[in-house]
Amino acid sequence: MNSPSGGAAPGPAVSETPPDSASAPPAIPHERRSRTLWLVLAVATAAIVWSMNGTGVSVASLVSGWEGAQEILTGLFPPEVDRPLLASVAQAAVETLQISIAALFFGTIMGLVLAVLMAGNVGFPAWLASAASFVAMVFRSVPELLWALVFVAMVGLGPTAGVYAISLHAAGLLAKLVSEQLEAVDPAPVEAMEMTGASKVAVGLLSIIPQARNNIASLILYQWECNIRTSAIVGFVGAGGIGQALVVAMQLFRYQELATLILALLVLVIVVDQISRFFRRRMGSATR
């Protein structure tokens, strides 16, 4: 039946509610978010206070130890610069550089092999990936200083023990970080290569690693910087380099000689950092 105005009768009213409104997840109330934030802050604050009390960190401990620190700091100046000492420091710095480079070489080889085995998108058997992950975890979980003690007992005092110790720890770190970079690449080229019947090694070397090579190179260069600093630490247990000279100077209270060694280590770290930054900037991995 037509309406009085001659038009068609109006149909049923159409709901203006969007069809997907019923499936939208409920918003988290603002009050609940605030309570969660305050809870996290309270737990973090309690953990910090508990840790500081347990370790005895306080302003009073710094004040009480100021006299000893002042004695050491005043003894560092002026640094000793006689010719025989500078020649010895230069030799220790060269040895430290050699330790860092040799450790980077061995650590990179082991780390890359473990990373390829660990990466889920390469597709090695689960038992092999788990074994590689466990080995990498052991390598990086043991501090370099403990590895150095082990290798000093095995091969004796000197830089050889330092190279082996730093290599293992570097391999464990690089394996974890590089495997994460490999798993983050674009999967499309990987799948295309797998469809051609390529082996897992070929897929890793020709499709996955090339996509992540800049980030991998940046990680390796950063590991070199870490090796320089670590080589000074392992020297404290007789693993060669500047660290071994540092501990001798400290034990004999030769503070001016200690200052010269610290300055040499600082210069070495700055030089390696600038070289690493230069190469990372050329690869687009550094902005400054």
C-alpha atoms as a PDB file:
ATOM      1  CA  MET A   1       0.000   0.000   0.000  1.00  0.00           C
ATOM      2  CA  ASN A   2       1.367   3.401  -0.998  1.00  0.00           C
ATOM      3  CA  SER A   3       1.865   6.207   1.496  1.00  0.00           C
ATOM      4  CA  PRO A   4      -0.303   9.328   1.289  1.00  0.00           C
ATOM      5  CA  SER A   5       2.510  11.170  -0.461  1.00  0.00           C
ATOM      6  CA  GLY A   6       2.601   8.525  -3.183  1.00  0.00           C
ATOM      7  CA  GLY A   7       5.995   7.072  -2.211  1.00  0.00           C
ATOM      8  CA  ALA A   8       6.804   3.563  -1.133  1.00  0.00           C
ATOM      9  CA  ALA A   9       6.177   2.542   2.451  1.00  0.00           C
ATOM     10  CA  PRO A  10       9.223   3.001   4.672  1.00  0.00           C
ATOM     11  CA  GLY A  11      11.152  -0.195   5.384  1.00  0.00           C
ATOM     12  CA  PRO A  12      12.431  -1.378   8.727  1.00  0.00           C
ATOM     13  CA  ALA A  13      14.937   0.854  10.500  1.00  0.00           C
ATOM     14  CA  VAL A  14      18.578  -0.014   9.853  1.00  0.00           C
ATOM     15  CA  SER A  15      20.909  -0.151  12.841  1.00  0.00           C
ATOM     16  CA  GLU A  16      23.718   2.398  12.718  1.00  0.00           C
ATOM     17  CA  THR A  17      26.002   0.278  14.936  1.00  0.00           C
ATOM     18  CA  PRO A  18      29.143  -0.844  13.047  1.00  0.00           C
ATOM     19  CA  PRO A  19      29.020  -4.595  12.361  1.00  0.00           C
ATOM     20  CA  ASP A  20      32.370  -5.253  14.010  1.00  0.00           C
ATOM     21  CA  SER A  21      31.727  -3.314  17.185  1.00  0.00           C
ATOM     22  CA  ALA A  22      30.658  -6.435  19.045  1.00  0.00           C
ATOM     23  CA  SER A  23      33.967  -8.169  18.244  1.00  0.00           C
ATOM     24  CA  ALA A  24      36.199  -5.250  19.321  1.00  0.00           C
ATOM     25  CA  PRO A  25      38.280  -6.094  22.422  1.00  0.00           C
ATOM     26  CA  PRO A  26      37.228  -4.274  25.524  1.00  0.00           C
ATOM     27  CA  ALA A  27      39.440  -1.340  26.401  1.00  0.00           C
ATOM     28  CA  ILE A  28      41.551  -1.665  29.538  1.00  0.00           C
ATOM     29  CA  PRO A  29      40.211   0.738  32.118  1.00  0.00           C
ATOM     30  CA  HIS A  30      42.469   3.642  32.919  1.00  0.00           C
ATOM     31  CA  GLU A  31      42.294   2.824  36.623  1.00  0.00           C
ATOM     32  CA  ARG A  32      43.571  -0.720  35.998  1.00  0.00           C
ATOM     33  CA  ARG A  33      46.520   0.563  33.956  1.00  0.00           C
ATOM     34  CA  SER A  34      47.368   3.028  36.696  1.00  0.00           C
ATOM     35  CA  ARG A  35      47.259   0.327  39.372  1.00  0.00           C
ATOM     36  CA  THR A  36      49.522  -1.906  37.275  1.00  0.00           C
ATOM     37  CA  LEU A  37      52.010   0.920  36.757  1.00  0.00           C
ATOM     38  CA  TRP A  38      52.117   1.745  40.448  1.00  0.00           C
ATOM     39  CA  LEU A  39      52.550  -1.943  41.281  1.00  0.00           C
ATOM     40  CA  VAL A  40      55.507  -2.249  38.902  1.00  0.00           C
ATOM     41  CA  LEU A  41      57.096   0.904  40.341  1.00  0.00           C
ATOM     42  CA  ALA A  42      56.596  -0.366  43.895  1.00  0.00           C
ATOM     43  CA  VAL A  43      58.172  -3.739  43.101  1.00  0.00           C
ATOM     44  CA  ALA A  44      61.110  -2.089  41.296  1.00  0.00           C
ATOM     45  CA  THR A  45      61.675   0.330  44.188  1.00  0.00           C
ATOM     46  CA  ALA A  46      61.556  -2.496  46.724  1.00  0.00           C
ATOM     47  CA  ALA A  47      64.056  -4.514  44.646  1.00  0.00           C
ATOM     48  CA  ILE A  48      66.448  -1.537  44.431  1.00  0.00           C
ATOM     49  CA  VAL A  49      66.281  -0.807  48.162  1.00  0.00           C
ATOM     50  CA  TRP A  50      66.717  -4.499  48.978  1.00  0.00           C
ATOM     51  CA  SER A  51      69.759  -4.745  46.675  1.00  0.00           C
ATOM     52  CA  MET A  52      71.393  -1.597  48.064  1.00  0.00           C
ATOM     53  CA  ASN A  53      70.922  -2.787  51.646  1.00  0.00           C
ATOM     54  CA  GLY A  54      72.303  -6.211  50.798  1.00  0.00           C
ATOM     55  CA  THR A  55      75.415  -4.808  49.093  1.00  0.00           C
ATOM     56  CA  GLY A  56      76.077  -2.012  51.573  1.00  0.00           C
ATOM     57  CA  VAL A  57      75.875   0.779  49.009  1.00  0.00           C
ATOM     58  CA  SER A  58      75.576   4.182  50.696  1.00  0.00           C
ATOM     59  CA  VAL A  59      77.071   7.648  50.792  1.00  0.00           C
ATOM     60  CA  ALA A  60      78.713   6.762  54.108  1.00  0.00           C
ATOM     61  CA  SER A  61      80.715   3.956  52.477  1.00  0.00           C
ATOM     62  CA  LEU A  62      82.030   6.378  49.847  1.00  0.00           C
ATOM     63  CA  VAL A  63      82.983   8.970  52.463  1.00  0.00           C
ATOM     64  CA  SER A  64      84.760   6.421  54.629  1.00  0.00           C
ATOM     65  CA  GLY A  65      86.797   5.174  51.680  1.00  0.00           C
ATOM     66  CA  TRP A  66      87.694   8.608  50.337  1.00  0.00           C
ATOM     67  CA  GLU A  67      91.086   8.764  52.062  1.00  0.00           C
ATOM     68  CA  GLY A  68      92.309   5.601  50.362  1.00  0.00           C
ATOM     69  CA  ALA A  69      90.977   6.742  47.000  1.00  0.00           C
ATOM     70  CA  GLN A  70      92.613  10.134  47.436  1.00  0.00           C
ATOM     71  CA  GLU A  71      95.960   8.486  48.112  1.00  0.00           C
ATOM     72  CA  ILE A  72      95.706   6.476  44.896  1.00  0.00           C
ATOM     73  CA  LEU A  73      94.484   9.415  42.798  1.00  0.00           C
ATOM     74  CA  THR A  74      97.255  11.744  44.002  1.00  0.00           C
ATOM     75  CA  GLY A  75      99.807   8.999  43.356  1.00  0.00           C
ATOM     76  CA  LEU A  76      98.742   8.733  39.695  1.00  0.00           C
ATOM     77  CA  PHE A  77     100.054  12.199  38.849  1.00  0.00           C
ATOM     78  CA  PRO A  78     102.210  12.876  37.042  1.00  0.00           C
ATOM     79  CA  PRO A  79     102.268   9.709  34.895  1.00  0.00           C
ATOM     80  CA  GLU A  80     105.677   8.168  34.406  1.00  0.00           C
ATOM     81  CA  VAL A  81     107.057   8.829  30.918  1.00  0.00           C
ATOM     82  CA  ASP A  82     110.623   7.536  30.941  1.00  0.00           C
ATOM     83  CA  ARG A  83     111.719   5.807  27.750  1.00  0.00           C
ATOM     84  CA  PRO A  84     112.101   2.193  29.009  1.00  0.00           C
ATOM     85  CA  LEU A  85     108.613   2.271  30.542  1.00  0.00           C
ATOM     86  CA  LEU A  86     107.032   3.742  27.395  1.00  0.00           C
ATOM     87  CA  ALA A  87     108.643   0.995  25.325  1.00  0.00           C
ATOM     88  CA  SER A  88     107.254  -1.634  27.707  1.00  0.00           C
ATOM     89  CA  VAL A  89     103.783  -0.038  27.665  1.00  0.00           C
ATOM     90  CA  ALA A  90     103.819   0.102  23.865  1.00  0.00           C
ATOM     91  CA  GLN A  91     104.704  -3.590  23.724  1.00  0.00           C
ATOM     92  CA  ALA A  92     101.851  -4.418  26.135  1.00  0.00           C
ATOM     93  CA  ALA A  93      99.429  -2.321  24.054  1.00  0.00           C
ATOM     94  CA  VAL A  94     100.445  -4.148  20.868  1.00  0.00           C
ATOM     95  CA  GLU A  95      99.977  -7.476  22.642  1.00  0.00           C
ATOM     96  CA  THR A  96      96.511  -6.374  23.791  1.00  0.00           C
ATOM     97  CA  LEU A  97      95.592  -5.457  20.217  1.00  0.00           C
ATOM     98  CA  GLN A  98      96.842  -8.824  18.973  1.00  0.00           C
ATOM     99  CA  ILE A  99      94.777 -10.639  21.621  1.00  0.00           C
ATOM    100  CA  SER A 100      91.630  -8.744  20.614  1.00  0.00           C
ATOM    101  CA  ILE A 101      92.039  -9.419  16.892  1.00  0.00           C
ATOM    102  CA  ALA A 102      92.922 -13.105  17.262  1.00  0.00           C
ATOM    103  CA  ALA A 103      90.027 -13.613  19.687  1.00  0.00           C
ATOM    104  CA  LEU A 104      87.684 -11.824  17.295  1.00  0.00           C
ATOM    105  CA  PHE A 105      88.746 -14.140  14.461  1.00  0.00           C
ATOM    106  CA  PHE A 106      88.130 -17.366  16.348  1.00  0.00           C
ATOM    107  CA  GLY A 107      85.045 -16.042  18.148  1.00  0.00           C
ATOM    108  CA  THR A 108      83.467 -14.884  14.890  1.00  0.00           C
ATOM    109  CA  ILE A 109      83.994 -18.211  13.149  1.00  0.00           C
ATOM    110  CA  MET A 110      82.521 -20.201  16.042  1.00  0.00           C
ATOM    111  CA  GLY A 111      79.743 -17.671  16.623  1.00  0.00           C
ATOM    112  CA  LEU A 112      78.606 -17.611  12.995  1.00  0.00           C
ATOM    113  CA  VAL A 113      78.523 -21.409  12.776  1.00  0.00           C
ATOM    114  CA  LEU A 114      76.468 -21.628  15.962  1.00  0.00           C
ATOM    115  CA  ALA A 115      74.186 -18.795  14.819  1.00  0.00           C
ATOM    116  CA  VAL A 116      73.363 -20.503  11.516  1.00  0.00           C
ATOM    117  CA  LEU A 117      72.604 -23.741  13.355  1.00  0.00           C
ATOM    118  CA  MET A 118      70.421 -21.899  15.897  1.00  0.00           C
ATOM    119  CA  ALA A 119      68.414 -19.711  13.501  1.00  0.00           C
ATOM    120  CA  GLY A 120      64.909 -21.087  13.133  1.00  0.00           C
ATOM    121  CA  ASN A 121      64.448 -19.918   9.534  1.00  0.00           C
ATOM    122  CA  VAL A 122      67.481 -21.907   8.337  1.00  0.00           C
ATOM    123  CA  GLY A 123      65.661 -25.079   9.309  1.00  0.00           C
ATOM    124  CA  PHE A 124      68.262 -27.388  10.813  1.00  0.00           C
ATOM    125  CA  PRO A 125      66.899 -30.296  12.895  1.00  0.00           C
ATOM    126  CA  ALA A 126      65.562 -29.287  16.288  1.00  0.00           C
ATOM    127  CA  TRP A 127      68.078 -31.437  18.177  1.00  0.00           C
ATOM    128  CA  LEU A 128      70.985 -29.807  16.341  1.00  0.00           C
ATOM    129  CA  ALA A 129      69.634 -26.283  16.891  1.00  0.00           C
ATOM    130  CA  SER A 130      69.065 -27.040  20.583  1.00  0.00           C
ATOM    131  CA  ALA A 131      72.598 -28.402  20.942  1.00  0.00           C
ATOM    132  CA  ALA A 132      74.069 -25.307  19.282  1.00  0.00           C
ATOM    133  CA  SER A 133      71.960 -23.063  21.509  1.00  0.00           C
ATOM    134  CA  PHE A 134      73.152 -24.903  24.612  1.00  0.00           C
ATOM    135  CA  VAL A 135      76.810 -24.609  23.588  1.00  0.00           C
ATOM    136  CA  ALA A 136      76.397 -20.892  22.914  1.00  0.00           C
ATOM    137  CA  MET A 137      74.700 -20.419  26.277  1.00  0.00           C
ATOM    138  CA  VAL A 138      77.579 -22.153  28.072  1.00  0.00           C
ATOM    139  CA  PHE A 139      80.155 -20.046  26.213  1.00  0.00           C
ATOM    140  CA  ARG A 140      78.555 -16.725  27.144  1.00  0.00           C
ATOM    141  CA  SER A 141      77.386 -17.683  30.642  1.00  0.00           C
ATOM    142  CA  VAL A 142      80.918 -18.298  31.914  1.00  0.00           C
ATOM    143  CA  PRO A 143      82.720 -14.931  32.360  1.00  0.00           C
ATOM    144  CA  GLU A 144      85.910 -14.322  30.420  1.00  0.00           C
ATOM    145  CA  LEU A 145      87.864 -14.167  33.671  1.00  0.00           C
ATOM    146  CA  LEU A 146      86.887 -17.727  34.572  1.00  0.00           C
ATOM    147  CA  TRP A 147      87.649 -18.950  31.052  1.00  0.00           C
ATOM    148  CA  ALA A 148      91.044 -17.246  31.393  1.00  0.00           C
ATOM    149  CA  LEU A 149      91.748 -19.111  34.651  1.00  0.00           C
ATOM    150  CA  VAL A 150      90.913 -22.388  32.912  1.00  0.00           C
ATOM    151  CA  PHE A 151      93.180 -21.714  29.935  1.00  0.00           C
ATOM    152  CA  VAL A 152      96.019 -20.337  32.081  1.00  0.00           C
ATOM    153  CA  ALA A 153      95.977 -23.697  33.855  1.00  0.00           C
ATOM    154  CA  MET A 154      95.926 -25.472  30.480  1.00  0.00           C
ATOM    155  CA  VAL A 155      98.437 -23.522  28.367  1.00  0.00           C
ATOM    156  CA  GLY A 156     100.235 -21.405  30.960  1.00  0.00           C
ATOM    157  CA  LEU A 157     100.583 -17.669  31.478  1.00  0.00           C
ATOM    158  CA  GLY A 158     100.562 -15.348  28.488  1.00  0.00           C
ATOM    159  CA  PRO A 159      98.397 -13.993  25.675  1.00  0.00           C
ATOM    160  CA  THR A 160      97.486 -17.436  24.304  1.00  0.00           C
ATOM    161  CA  ALA A 161      95.224 -18.084  27.278  1.00  0.00           C
ATOM    162  CA  GLY A 162      93.640 -14.654  26.792  1.00  0.00           C
ATOM    163  CA  VAL A 163      92.853 -15.359  23.146  1.00  0.00           C
ATOM    164  CA  TYR A 164      91.144 -18.659  23.942  1.00  0.00           C
ATOM    165  CA  ALA A 165      89.179 -17.202  26.865  1.00  0.00           C
ATOM    166  CA  ILE A 166      87.864 -14.179  24.982  1.00  0.00           C
ATOM    167  CA  SER A 167      87.142 -16.276  21.883  1.00  0.00           C
ATOM    168  CA  LEU A 168      84.714 -18.569  23.699  1.00  0.00           C
ATOM    169  CA  HIS A 169      82.773 -15.797  25.377  1.00  0.00           C
ATOM    170  CA  ALA A 170      82.657 -13.772  22.145  1.00  0.00           C
ATOM    171  CA  ALA A 171      81.409 -16.827  20.245  1.00  0.00           C
ATOM    172  CA  GLY A 172      78.536 -17.275  22.690  1.00  0.00           C
ATOM    173  CA  LEU A 173      77.470 -13.636  22.477  1.00  0.00           C
ATOM    174  CA  LEU A 174      77.756 -13.440  18.698  1.00  0.00           C
ATOM    175  CA  ALA A 175      75.845 -16.705  18.276  1.00  0.00           C
ATOM    176  CA  LYS A 176      72.849 -15.311  20.155  1.00  0.00           C
ATOM    177  CA  LEU A 177      72.859 -11.828  18.597  1.00  0.00           C
ATOM    178  CA  VAL A 178      73.584 -12.975  15.038  1.00  0.00           C
ATOM    179  CA  SER A 179      70.935 -15.716  15.172  1.00  0.00           C
ATOM    180  CA  GLU A 180      68.361 -13.082  16.116  1.00  0.00           C
ATOM    181  CA  GLN A 181      69.444 -10.965  13.142  1.00  0.00           C
ATOM    182  CA  LEU A 182      69.155 -13.977  10.836  1.00  0.00           C
ATOM    183  CA  GLU A 183      65.647 -14.763  12.040  1.00  0.00           C
ATOM    184  CA  ALA A 184      64.547 -11.161  11.410  1.00  0.00           C
ATOM    185  CA  VAL A 185      65.255 -11.154   7.640  1.00  0.00           C
ATOM    186  CA  ASP A 186      62.575 -11.024   4.926  1.00  0.00           C
ATOM    187  CA  PRO A 187      61.212 -14.587   4.567  1.00  0.00           C
ATOM    188  CA  ALA A 188      60.163 -14.247   0.912  1.00  0.00           C
ATOM    189  CA  PRO A 189      63.638 -14.759  -0.658  1.00  0.00           C
ATOM    190  CA  VAL A 190      64.291 -17.594   1.776  1.00  0.00           C
ATOM    191  CA  GLU A 191      61.100 -19.409   0.814  1.00  0.00           C
ATOM    192  CA  ALA A 192      61.800 -18.863  -2.885  1.00  0.00           C
ATOM    193  CA  MET A 193      65.225 -20.436  -2.564  1.00  0.00           C
ATOM    194  CA  GLU A 194      63.884 -23.366  -0.555  1.00  0.00           C
ATOM    195  CA  MET A 195      61.353 -24.036  -3.351  1.00  0.00           C
ATOM    196  CA  THR A 196      64.245 -24.494  -5.766  1.00  0.00           C
ATOM    197  CA  GLY A 197      65.508 -27.394  -3.654  1.00  0.00           C
ATOM    198  CA  ALA A 198      68.576 -25.614  -2.260  1.00  0.00           C
ATOM    199  CA  SER A 199      70.255 -27.141   0.781  1.00  0.00           C
ATOM    200  CA  LYS A 200      69.968 -25.547   4.200  1.00  0.00           C
ATOM    201  CA  VAL A 201      73.587 -24.418   4.099  1.00  0.00           C
ATOM    202  CA  ALA A 202      73.049 -22.799   0.696  1.00  0.00           C
ATOM    203  CA  VAL A 203      69.895 -21.066   1.919  1.00  0.00           C
ATOM    204  CA  GLY A 204      71.766 -19.697   4.926  1.00  0.00           C
ATOM    205  CA  LEU A 205      74.825 -18.552   3.007  1.00  0.00           C
ATOM    206  CA  LEU A 206      73.115 -17.194  -0.110  1.00  0.00           C
ATOM    207  CA  SER A 207      69.753 -15.913   1.109  1.00  0.00           C
ATOM    208  CA  ILE A 208      69.677 -15.287   4.851  1.00  0.00           C
ATOM    209  CA  ILE A 209      73.177 -14.049   5.675  1.00  0.00           C
ATOM    210  CA  PRO A 210      73.356 -11.558   2.741  1.00  0.00           C
ATOM    211  CA  GLN A 211      70.204  -9.838   3.996  1.00  0.00           C
ATOM    212  CA  ALA A 212      71.634  -9.428   7.485  1.00  0.00           C
ATOM    213  CA  ARG A 213      75.280  -8.855   6.573  1.00  0.00           C
ATOM    214  CA  ASN A 214      75.398  -5.148   7.536  1.00  0.00           C
ATOM    215  CA  ASN A 215      73.966  -5.776  10.995  1.00  0.00           C
ATOM    216  CA  ILE A 216      76.200  -8.806  11.444  1.00  0.00           C
ATOM    217  CA  ALA A 217      79.275  -6.790  10.487  1.00  0.00           C
ATOM    218  CA  SER A 218      78.257  -4.079  12.959  1.00  0.00           C
ATOM    219  CA  LEU A 219      77.958  -6.682  15.729  1.00  0.00           C
ATOM    220  CA  ILE A 220      81.373  -8.109  14.899  1.00  0.00           C
ATOM    221  CA  LEU A 221      82.993  -4.659  14.991  1.00  0.00           C
ATOM    222  CA  TYR A 222      81.344  -3.916  18.313  1.00  0.00           C
ATOM    223  CA  GLN A 223      82.629  -7.239  19.634  1.00  0.00           C
ATOM    224  CA  TRP A 224      86.126  -6.104  18.681  1.00  0.00           C
ATOM    225  CA  GLU A 225      85.688  -3.043  20.898  1.00  0.00           C
ATOM    226  CA  CYS A 226      84.554  -5.308  23.734  1.00  0.00           C
ATOM    227  CA  ASN A 227      87.567  -7.585  23.199  1.00  0.00           C
ATOM    228  CA  ILE A 228      89.945  -4.663  23.776  1.00  0.00           C
ATOM    229  CA  ARG A 229      88.390  -3.899  27.151  1.00  0.00           C
ATOM    230  CA  THR A 230      88.093  -7.560  28.090  1.00  0.00           C
ATOM    231  CA  SER A 231      91.739  -8.264  27.271  1.00  0.00           C
ATOM    232  CA  ALA A 232      92.705  -5.821  30.028  1.00  0.00           C
ATOM    233  CA  ILE A 233      90.546  -7.760  32.507  1.00  0.00           C
ATOM    234  CA  VAL A 234      91.817 -11.254  31.686  1.00  0.00           C
ATOM    235  CA  GLY A 235      95.346  -9.927  32.066  1.00  0.00           C
ATOM    236  CA  PHE A 236      94.703  -9.744  35.809  1.00  0.00           C
ATOM    237  CA  VAL A 237      94.981 -13.550  35.970  1.00  0.00           C
ATOM    238  CA  GLY A 238      98.103 -13.683  33.804  1.00  0.00           C
ATOM    239  CA  ALA A 239      96.547 -13.816  30.337  1.00  0.00           C
ATOM    240  CA  GLY A 240      98.868 -11.188  28.846  1.00  0.00           C
ATOM    241  CA  GLY A 241      98.387  -7.680  27.508  1.00  0.00           C
ATOM    242  CA  ILE A 242      98.074  -4.401  29.369  1.00  0.00           C
ATOM    243  CA  GLY A 243      96.010  -6.069  32.076  1.00  0.00           C
ATOM    244  CA  GLN A 244      98.947  -8.158  33.213  1.00  0.00           C
ATOM    245  CA  ALA A 245     101.133  -5.041  33.451  1.00  0.00           C
ATOM    246  CA  LEU A 246      98.352  -3.225  35.306  1.00  0.00           C
ATOM    247  CA  VAL A 247      98.115  -5.824  38.061  1.00  0.00           C
ATOM    248  CA  VAL A 248     101.903  -5.842  38.535  1.00  0.00           C
ATOM    249  CA  ALA A 249     101.958  -2.042  38.869  1.00  0.00           C
ATOM    250  CA  MET A 250      99.087  -2.138  41.375  1.00  0.00           C
ATOM    251  CA  GLN A 251     100.666  -4.875  43.490  1.00  0.00           C
ATOM    252  CA  LEU A 252     103.953  -2.958  43.657  1.00  0.00           C
ATOM    253  CA  PHE A 253     102.173   0.379  44.362  1.00  0.00           C
ATOM    254  CA  ARG A 254     103.731   1.976  41.285  1.00  0.00           C
ATOM    255  CA  TYR A 255     100.897   4.441  40.800  1.00  0.00           C
ATOM    256  CA  GLN A 256     102.666   6.669  38.253  1.00  0.00           C
ATOM    257  CA  GLU A 257     103.389   3.623  36.106  1.00  0.00           C
ATOM    258  CA  LEU A 258      99.758   2.590  36.611  1.00  0.00           C
ATOM    259  CA  ALA A 259      98.630   5.979  35.291  1.00  0.00           C
ATOM    260  CA  THR A 260     100.722   5.536  32.137  1.00  0.00           C
ATOM    261  CA  LEU A 261      99.209   2.101  31.537  1.00  0.00           C
ATOM    262  CA  ILE A 262      95.660   3.407  32.049  1.00  0.00           C
ATOM    263  CA  LEU A 263      96.291   6.230  29.563  1.00  0.00           C
ATOM    264  CA  ALA A 264      97.678   3.750  27.025  1.00  0.00           C
ATOM    265  CA  LEU A 265      94.599   1.554  27.417  1.00  0.00           C
ATOM    266  CA  LEU A 266      92.329   4.582  27.025  1.00  0.00           C
ATOM    267  CA  VAL A 267      94.095   5.636  23.814  1.00  0.00           C
ATOM    268  CA  LEU A 268      93.863   2.087  22.457  1.00  0.00           C
ATOM    269  CA  VAL A 269      90.133   1.885  23.188  1.00  0.00           C
ATOM    270  CA  ILE A 270      89.508   5.273  21.535  1.00  0.00           C
ATOM    271  CA  VAL A 271      91.452   4.304  18.404  1.00  0.00           C
ATOM    272  CA  VAL A 272      89.636   0.983  18.029  1.00  0.00           C
ATOM    273  CA  ASP A 273      86.303   2.691  18.671  1.00  0.00           C
ATOM    274  CA  GLN A 274      86.960   5.241  15.912  1.00  0.00           C
ATOM    275  CA  ILE A 275      88.040   2.546  13.452  1.00  0.00           C
ATOM    276  CA  SER A 276      84.925   0.542  14.225  1.00  0.00           C
ATOM    277  CA  ARG A 277      82.721   3.628  13.935  1.00  0.00           C
ATOM    278  CA  PHE A 278      84.269   4.469  10.553  1.00  0.00           C
ATOM    279  CA  PHE A 279      83.468   1.052   9.086  1.00  0.00           C
ATOM    280  CA  ARG A 280      79.980   0.974  10.606  1.00  0.00           C
ATOM    281  CA  ARG A 281      79.268   4.407   9.144  1.00  0.00           C
ATOM    282  CA  ARG A 282      80.375   3.207   5.732  1.00  0.00           C
ATOM    283  CA  MET A 283      77.919   0.328   6.043  1.00  0.00           C
ATOM    284  CA  GLY A 284      75.116   2.615   7.188  1.00  0.00           C
ATOM    285  CA  SER A 285      75.058   1.186  10.709  1.00  0.00           C
ATOM    286  CA  ALA A 286      76.309   4.293  12.516  1.00  0.00           C
ATOM    287  CA  THR A 287      74.952   7.830  12.252  1.00  0.00           C
ATOM    288  CA  ARG A 288      77.671   9.741  14.094  1.00  0.00           C
END
